C-alpha atoms as a PDB file:
ATOM      1  CA  MET A   1     -44.072-108.664 133.534  1.00  0.00           C
ATOM      2  CA  HIS A   2     -44.021-112.336 133.162  1.00  0.00           C
ATOM      3  CA  THR A   3     -47.651-112.741 134.210  1.00  0.00           C
ATOM      4  CA  THR A   4     -48.733-109.809 131.964  1.00  0.00           C
ATOM      5  CA  LEU A   5     -46.998-111.499 128.971  1.00  0.00           C
ATOM      6  CA  ILE A   6     -48.467-114.783 129.756  1.00  0.00           C
ATOM      7  CA  VAL A   7     -52.078-113.252 129.809  1.00  0.00           C
ATOM      8  CA  LEU A   8     -51.440-111.435 126.518  1.00  0.00           C
ATOM      9  CA  HIS A   9     -50.147-114.654 124.913  1.00  0.00           C
ATOM     10  CA  LEU A  10     -53.268-116.486 125.955  1.00  0.00           C
ATOM     11  CA  LEU A  11     -55.680-113.713 124.574  1.00  0.00           C
ATOM     12  CA  ILE A  12     -53.790-113.793 121.359  1.00  0.00           C
ATOM     13  CA  VAL A  13     -54.162-117.642 121.186  1.00  0.00           C
ATOM     14  CA  LEU A  14     -57.982-117.551 121.818  1.00  0.00           C
ATOM     15  CA  ALA A  15     -58.275-114.851 119.149  1.00  0.00           C
ATOM     16  CA  LEU A  16     -56.199-116.758 116.738  1.00  0.00           C
ATOM     17  CA  ILE A  17     -58.370-119.785 117.177  1.00  0.00           C
ATOM     18  CA  GLY A  18     -61.622-117.758 116.844  1.00  0.00           C
ATOM     19  CA  VAL A  19     -60.417-116.148 113.620  1.00  0.00           C
ATOM     20  CA  VAL A  20     -59.247-119.314 112.109  1.00  0.00           C
ATOM     21  CA  LEU A  21     -62.620-120.978 112.764  1.00  0.00           C
ATOM     22  CA  LEU A  22     -64.454-118.087 111.220  1.00  0.00           C
ATOM     23  CA  GLN A  23     -62.678-118.412 107.961  1.00  0.00           C
ATOM     24  CA  ARG A  24     -64.572-120.011 105.107  1.00  0.00           C
ATOM     25  CA  SER A  25     -63.135-123.551 104.067  1.00  0.00           C
ATOM     26  CA  GLU A  26     -61.754-123.618 100.554  1.00  0.00           C
ATOM     27  CA  GLY A  27     -60.696-127.193 100.452  1.00  0.00           C
ATOM     28  CA  GLY A  28     -63.783-129.353 101.272  1.00  0.00           C
ATOM     29  CA  ALA A  29     -61.775-132.187 102.772  1.00  0.00           C
ATOM     30  CA  LEU A  30     -62.569-131.670 106.511  1.00  0.00           C
ATOM     31  CA  GLY A  31     -64.053-128.097 106.466  1.00  0.00           C
ATOM     32  CA  ILE A  32     -67.553-127.626 107.524  1.00  0.00           C
ATOM     33  CA  GLY A  33     -67.938-123.975 106.527  1.00  0.00           C
ATOM     34  CA  GLY A  34     -67.887-124.596 102.785  1.00  0.00           C
ATOM     35  CA  GLY A  35     -71.527-123.998 102.101  1.00  0.00           C
ATOM     36  CA  GLY A  36     -72.915-121.205 100.128  1.00  0.00           C
ATOM     37  CA  GLY A  37     -74.395-117.916 101.736  1.00  0.00           C
ATOM     38  CA  GLY A  38     -74.271-116.987 105.386  1.00  0.00           C
ATOM     39  CA  PHE A  39     -71.764-114.934 107.342  1.00  0.00           C
ATOM     40  CA  MET A  40     -68.803-115.190 104.916  1.00  0.00           C
ATOM     41  CA  ASN A  41     -70.068-114.312 101.542  1.00  0.00           C
ATOM     42  CA  SER A  42     -68.041-111.370 100.576  1.00  0.00           C
ATOM     43  CA  ARG A  43     -64.351-111.115  99.521  1.00  0.00           C
ATOM     44  CA  GLY A  44     -63.676-108.197 101.696  1.00  0.00           C
ATOM     45  CA  THR A  45     -64.391-110.116 104.811  1.00  0.00           C
ATOM     46  CA  ALA A  46     -62.141-112.970 103.784  1.00  0.00           C
ATOM     47  CA  ASN A  47     -59.353-110.353 103.149  1.00  0.00           C
ATOM     48  CA  ILE A  48     -59.918-108.945 106.700  1.00  0.00           C
ATOM     49  CA  LEU A  49     -59.762-112.420 108.316  1.00  0.00           C
ATOM     50  CA  THR A  50     -56.689-113.205 106.422  1.00  0.00           C
ATOM     51  CA  ARG A  51     -54.980-110.143 107.529  1.00  0.00           C
ATOM     52  CA  ALA A  52     -56.148-110.551 111.026  1.00  0.00           C
ATOM     53  CA  THR A  53     -54.896-114.264 111.084  1.00  0.00           C
ATOM     54  CA  ALA A  54     -51.419-113.072 109.857  1.00  0.00           C
ATOM     55  CA  LEU A  55     -51.263-110.260 112.546  1.00  0.00           C
ATOM     56  CA  LEU A  56     -52.348-112.635 115.276  1.00  0.00           C
ATOM     57  CA  ALA A  57     -49.867-115.196 114.167  1.00  0.00           C
ATOM     58  CA  ALA A  58     -47.016-112.673 114.275  1.00  0.00           C
ATOM     59  CA  GLY A  59     -48.228-111.799 117.763  1.00  0.00           C
ATOM     60  CA  PHE A  60     -48.197-115.308 118.845  1.00  0.00           C
ATOM     61  CA  PHE A  61     -44.735-115.689 117.460  1.00  0.00           C
ATOM     62  CA  ILE A  62     -43.333-112.587 119.161  1.00  0.00           C
ATOM     63  CA  THR A  63     -44.895-113.384 122.563  1.00  0.00           C
ATOM     64  CA  SER A  64     -43.572-117.024 122.308  1.00  0.00           C
ATOM     65  CA  LEU A  65     -40.115-115.726 121.756  1.00  0.00           C
ATOM     66  CA  LEU A  66     -40.415-113.160 124.646  1.00  0.00           C
ATOM     67  CA  LEU A  67     -41.560-115.889 126.972  1.00  0.00           C
ATOM     68  CA  SER A  68     -38.720-118.186 126.285  1.00  0.00           C
ATOM     69  CA  VAL A  69     -36.281-115.335 126.787  1.00  0.00           C
ATOM     70  CA  LEU A  70     -37.795-114.339 130.101  1.00  0.00           C
ATOM     71  CA  ALA A  71     -37.833-118.159 131.124  1.00  0.00           C
ATOM     72  CA  GLY A  72     -34.017-118.261 130.546  1.00  0.00           C
ATOM     73  CA  TRP A  73     -33.333-115.169 132.655  1.00  0.00           C
ATOM     74  CA  ARG A  74     -35.225-116.308 135.673  1.00  0.00           C
ATOM     75  CA  PRO A  75     -33.443-118.185 138.288  1.00  0.00           C
ATOM     76  CA  GLN A  76     -34.594-121.830 138.670  1.00  0.00           C
ATOM     77  CA  GLY A  77     -36.510-122.194 142.049  1.00  0.00           C
ATOM     78  CA  PRO A  78     -38.065-124.969 143.911  1.00  0.00           C
ATOM     79  CA  THR A  79     -39.725-127.614 141.724  1.00  0.00           C
ATOM     80  CA  LEU A  80     -42.438-130.224 142.539  1.00  0.00           C
ATOM     81  CA  VAL A  81     -39.731-132.967 142.796  1.00  0.00           C
ATOM     82  CA  ASN A  82     -37.396-130.899 144.979  1.00  0.00           C
ATOM     83  CA  PRO A  83     -39.543-128.083 146.813  1.00  0.00           C
ATOM     84  CA  ASN A  84     -36.792-127.210 149.383  1.00  0.00           C
ATOM     85  CA  ALA A  85     -34.234-126.467 146.753  1.00  0.00           C
ATOM     86  CA  ALA A  86     -32.720-123.050 146.927  1.00  0.00           C
ATOM     87  CA  PRO A  87     -32.753-120.859 143.781  1.00  0.00           C
ATOM     88  CA  THR A  88     -29.806-121.558 141.537  1.00  0.00           C
ATOM     89  CA  GLN A  89     -28.338-119.478 138.755  1.00  0.00           C
ATOM     90  CA  VAL A  90     -29.281-120.813 135.210  1.00  0.00           C
ATOM     91  CA  ASN A  91     -26.008-119.899 133.458  1.00  0.00           C
ATOM     92  CA  PRO A  92     -22.937-120.335 135.882  1.00  0.00           C
ATOM     93  CA  GLN A  93     -19.866-118.370 135.076  1.00  0.00           C
ATOM     94  CA  GLY A  94     -17.566-121.462 135.230  1.00  0.00           C
ATOM     95  CA  PRO A  95     -16.007-123.280 132.349  1.00  0.00           C
ATOM     96  CA  SER A  96     -18.357-124.916 130.113  1.00  0.00           C
ATOM     97  CA  ILE A  97     -18.416-128.813 129.566  1.00  0.00           C
ATOM     98  CA  LEU A  98     -16.586-128.507 126.348  1.00  0.00           C
ATOM     99  CA  GLU A  99     -13.783-126.478 128.009  1.00  0.00           C
ATOM    100  CA  GLN A 100     -13.598-129.083 130.694  1.00  0.00           C
ATOM    101  CA  LEU A 101     -13.382-132.003 128.314  1.00  0.00           C
ATOM    102  CA  GLN A 102     -10.579-130.297 126.232  1.00  0.00           C
ATOM    103  CA  LYS A 103      -8.493-129.746 129.460  1.00  0.00           C
ATOM    104  CA  LYS A 104      -8.826-133.521 130.054  1.00  0.00           C
ATOM    105  CA  GLY A 105      -7.647-134.561 126.735  1.00  0.00           C
ATOM    106  CA  PRO A 106      -8.716-137.616 124.694  1.00  0.00           C
ATOM    107  CA  GLN A 107     -10.029-140.414 126.735  1.00  0.00           C
ATOM    108  CA  GLY A 108     -10.200-143.576 124.653  1.00  0.00           C
ATOM    109  CA  PRO A 109      -9.362-147.179 125.495  1.00  0.00           C
ATOM    110  CA  GLN A 110      -5.916-147.685 126.480  1.00  0.00           C
ATOM    111  CA  VAL A 111      -4.250-150.037 124.017  1.00  0.00           C
ATOM    112  CA  PRO A 112      -0.871-151.498 125.217  1.00  0.00           C
ATOM    113  CA  GLN A 113       1.905-151.002 122.708  1.00  0.00           C
ATOM    114  CA  SER A 114       3.858-154.173 121.602  1.00  0.00           C
ATOM    115  CA  LYS A 115       7.469-153.940 121.221  1.00  0.00           C
END
């Protein structure tokens, strides 16, 4: 599942790059495709490319979110730094750091009280 989603994500990225590069430049600052005639000379083609860009951008956003959710669910296994580590659980069921700090109470500098 994870590998399939990564492949789909990469295909969407490549298609998005291609569709963005095919669009005609309207600015003129850094765009190369602003000349007259050629492949992009009708308004209908520009509308199709705009819609394709929006759909591919939405697909990119959705697959990015799904990949981040799947990465949070997977147990952490060995890494390059520590290849012999046993898989650990990402979200342990113990008390959180905030709960541990609340149990300890305030820890500030101890100021002696003068009488």
